[in-house]
Amino acid sequence: MTLQQLFLGLSTLLASNIIFSATPSVDEIVNRTNYTSYYQGQDGKAKVKMTITDAQNRTRKREFVILRRDVPTTDAIENNAYEGDQKMYVYFSRPADVNKMVFMVLKKTKADDDRWLYLPALDLVKRIAASDKRTSFVGSDFLYEDVSGRNLAADTHALIGTDDNYYIIENTPVNPDEVEFSKYIMYIHKTTFLPVSTEYYDKQGKKYKTYTALAVDTIEGHPTITKSEAKNLNTGGSTLMEYSSVQYDVGIPDDIFSERNLRKPPRKLLR
């Protein structure tokens, strides 16, 4: 699907009830994008099918459920909820070699995130170091940081272009030695503020990775990416993520996001 085809679908979605000026500032654009990408509703749930394809067209599949809860007591963008702490619980069910594996994140805005991975075959809880957040998520072309989101303060942001459909934002890392990229460019849909396409560039300025939204649906009034793809232009590999049974404001209890529940998953919520 091309960006133009996706735009036709996006244009039918409900416009946000937050009205920006005709020419929003770069901070308004970036903040709204972070909100629509990670903070709509006070919590959320989705089933995910992941297909990992290598350069020889061989595939591996993963199936999991994502539970997410925001720490702020409001999801209103004007109260900066899109910059609040957040909790995520990812439970894997298929294939058999990853069944019961859990990835959990306690996302913090003023400190390094806490991340854990539970490996049931070893009955081992592994703490993921902050320095590993930009490593592969379970062997896919998505990174751990892609799942939970990157802190807005980690980059500087510049509006480098605009057209009838998109704001084009260039993001440059504040601490370039901590990441593998020199910059990434986002194409953000003007009505929904969803990031439709993202391009990553290496230290030599060469584009090496892309993320693309392939399908968007309105779910409970929220514009939601329901299919996305990451491509590694260096290796020729790609990863497809397909979301189903997406729900918002489920009422997910806070105590689920604890280290002891890595071994005792909340089965009712995972159905």
Foldseek 3Di string as FASTA:
>chain_A
DDPVVQLVVVVPADFDPDDDDPDHDQVVLVLLQLLLAAQPFQKKKWKKKKWKAFQVRDIDIWIKMKIKGQPDPDSDVVVVSSQGWMKMKIATPDDPQRHLWIWIWGGHQPDQIWIWIQRVVVRDIHTDDSLQQQPDDVPHLDGNCNVNHDHPVQWDKDQPDDDPFWTKIKTAGPDVVSDQFGIKIFTAGPRQSHGAKMWTAGPVRHTFKMKGQDHWDQDPSRIDRQKMKMAGNVRRMMMIMGIDPMDHPPPDDPVCRDPVVSNPHPVVSGD
